[in-house]
Amino acid sequence: MTLAPSLDDIERLAQEAWAELPAGFRELAGDVVICVADVADDETLADLGIEDPFELSGLYSGVDLTQRSIMDPAPGHPMVFLYRRAILDEWIDRADVNLRALVAHVLVHEVGHHFGLSDEFMDQLLEEAE
């Protein structure tokens, strides 16, 4: 019997993916904190209008760089959440994608929100890249 990848395994994959991103990208992203949890908490799901926690594989929390102002109070650290159970479900459903690549994709997607990019714009970029 093979055990499902743990929170620590997903954290390790996320940190490896982060380290493999271009240095300029990481520098521009600044102090983004990466957090891994099994699923989003009930409050987060309710705020997003999501009933099934397996529908949310990642989330950006913070004020994106396009909305920050030196006049605003200091914001908390921007955070990217990766949700292990939803990522594993997607990985199982998509035999064409390895787990490392999927974790990297979710991570980069959520960091894209830190830069102020919309889901639609990122989807368009991915389509153009294929």
Protein backbone atom coordinates (compact mmCIF):
# COMPACT_ATOMS: atom_id res chain seq x y z
CA MET A 1 0.00 0.00 0.00
CA THR A 2 1.33 3.42 -0.96
CA LEU A 3 0.60 6.35 1.31
CA ALA A 4 -0.69 9.63 -0.08
CA PRO A 5 1.83 12.49 -0.08
CA SER A 6 1.79 14.26 3.28
CA LEU A 7 1.59 17.95 4.09
CA ASP A 8 5.38 17.89 4.46
CA ASP A 9 5.72 16.30 1.01
CA ILE A 10 3.59 19.04 -0.60
CA GLU A 11 5.51 21.71 1.35
CA ARG A 12 8.80 20.28 0.07
CA LEU A 13 7.52 20.24 -3.52
CA ALA A 14 6.31 23.83 -3.17
CA GLN A 15 9.65 25.00 -1.77
CA GLU A 16 11.51 23.19 -4.56
CA ALA A 17 9.22 24.78 -7.17
CA TRP A 18 9.78 28.19 -5.59
CA ALA A 19 13.55 27.73 -5.63
CA GLU A 20 13.44 26.77 -9.33
CA LEU A 21 11.61 29.96 -10.34
CA PRO A 22 13.76 32.71 -11.86
CA ALA A 23 15.49 34.80 -9.21
CA GLY A 24 13.94 37.99 -10.61
CA PHE A 25 10.45 36.55 -10.20
CA ARG A 26 11.14 35.52 -6.61
CA GLU A 27 12.64 38.94 -5.87
CA LEU A 28 9.62 40.76 -7.29
CA ALA A 29 7.28 38.50 -5.29
CA GLY A 30 8.99 39.70 -2.13
CA ASP A 31 7.89 38.31 1.17
CA VAL A 32 5.15 35.92 0.04
CA VAL A 33 4.64 33.18 2.62
CA ILE A 34 3.74 29.69 1.38
CA CYS A 35 1.38 27.68 3.61
CA VAL A 36 0.17 24.15 3.05
CA ALA A 37 -3.02 22.81 4.64
CA ASP A 38 -5.20 19.78 4.00
CA VAL A 39 -8.24 21.85 2.97
CA ALA A 40 -9.42 25.44 3.24
CA ASP A 41 -11.18 26.26 6.50
CA ASP A 42 -14.96 26.68 6.63
CA GLU A 43 -14.76 30.48 6.90
CA THR A 44 -12.60 30.76 3.78
CA LEU A 45 -14.89 28.46 1.83
CA ALA A 46 -17.97 30.43 2.95
CA ASP A 47 -16.32 33.75 2.02
CA LEU A 48 -15.63 32.39 -1.47
CA GLY A 49 -19.05 30.77 -1.84
CA ILE A 50 -17.51 27.32 -2.25
CA GLU A 51 -19.31 24.35 -0.73
CA ASP A 52 -16.89 21.57 -1.68
CA PRO A 53 -13.39 22.05 -0.22
CA PHE A 54 -11.98 19.84 -2.99
CA GLU A 55 -12.78 22.61 -5.50
CA LEU A 56 -10.11 24.90 -4.04
CA SER A 57 -6.51 23.83 -4.60
CA GLY A 58 -4.89 27.18 -3.83
CA LEU A 59 -5.60 30.68 -2.59
CA TYR A 60 -3.79 34.01 -2.48
CA SER A 61 -4.43 36.08 0.64
CA GLY A 62 -3.19 39.62 0.86
CA VAL A 63 -3.15 42.95 -0.91
CA ASP A 64 -1.80 42.45 -4.41
CA LEU A 65 1.06 44.63 -5.60
CA THR A 66 -1.21 46.70 -7.88
CA GLN A 67 -3.36 47.75 -4.91
CA ARG A 68 -0.66 48.60 -2.37
CA SER A 69 -0.04 52.19 -1.40
CA ILE A 70 2.58 53.79 0.81
CA MET A 71 -0.32 55.68 2.41
CA ASP A 72 -1.98 52.47 3.62
CA PRO A 73 -1.14 50.88 6.94
CA ALA A 74 1.47 48.15 6.63
CA PRO A 75 -0.30 45.07 5.27
CA GLY A 76 0.33 41.64 6.73
CA HIS A 77 2.50 39.23 4.82
CA PRO A 78 0.95 38.11 1.56
CA MET A 79 0.22 34.40 1.74
CA VAL A 80 -0.24 31.62 -0.78
CA PHE A 81 -2.18 28.64 0.50
CA LEU A 82 -1.86 25.26 -1.16
CA TYR A 83 -4.56 22.75 -0.24
CA ARG A 84 -3.16 19.22 -0.24
CA ARG A 85 -6.39 17.21 -0.55
CA ALA A 86 -7.70 19.23 -3.51
CA ILE A 87 -4.30 19.07 -5.22
CA LEU A 88 -4.16 15.29 -4.71
CA ASP A 89 -7.69 14.89 -6.09
CA GLU A 90 -6.74 16.88 -9.19
CA TRP A 91 -3.53 14.86 -9.54
CA ILE A 92 -5.49 11.61 -9.45
CA ASP A 93 -8.00 12.91 -12.00
CA ARG A 94 -5.25 14.11 -14.36
CA ALA A 95 -3.02 11.18 -15.16
CA ASP A 96 -1.14 13.39 -17.65
CA VAL A 97 0.34 15.62 -14.90
CA ASN A 98 2.90 14.69 -12.29
CA LEU A 99 2.45 15.94 -8.73
CA ARG A 100 5.56 18.12 -8.78
CA ALA A 101 4.34 19.98 -11.88
CA LEU A 102 0.84 20.38 -10.44
CA VAL A 103 2.12 21.85 -7.16
CA ALA A 104 4.35 24.23 -9.14
CA HIS A 105 1.39 25.24 -11.33
CA VAL A 106 -0.87 26.01 -8.36
CA LEU A 107 1.93 27.91 -6.62
CA VAL A 108 2.74 30.07 -9.65
CA HIS A 109 -0.96 30.68 -10.30
CA GLU A 110 -1.52 31.97 -6.76
CA VAL A 111 1.64 34.09 -6.84
CA GLY A 112 0.23 35.54 -10.07
CA HIS A 113 -2.62 36.96 -7.97
CA HIS A 114 0.02 38.62 -5.77
CA PHE A 115 1.11 40.47 -8.93
CA GLY A 116 -2.50 41.48 -9.57
CA LEU A 117 -3.14 39.05 -12.43
CA SER A 118 -6.69 37.75 -12.86
CA ASP A 119 -7.63 34.10 -13.36
CA GLU A 120 -8.79 34.97 -16.87
CA PHE A 121 -5.49 36.62 -17.79
CA MET A 122 -3.45 33.72 -16.40
CA ASP A 123 -5.65 31.20 -18.28
CA GLN A 124 -5.07 33.19 -21.47
CA LEU A 125 -1.30 33.16 -20.90
CA LEU A 126 -1.36 29.39 -20.39
CA GLU A 127 -3.39 28.85 -23.55
CA GLU A 128 -0.96 30.98 -25.55
CA ALA A 129 2.00 29.06 -24.11
CA GLU A 130 0.62 25.69 -25.25
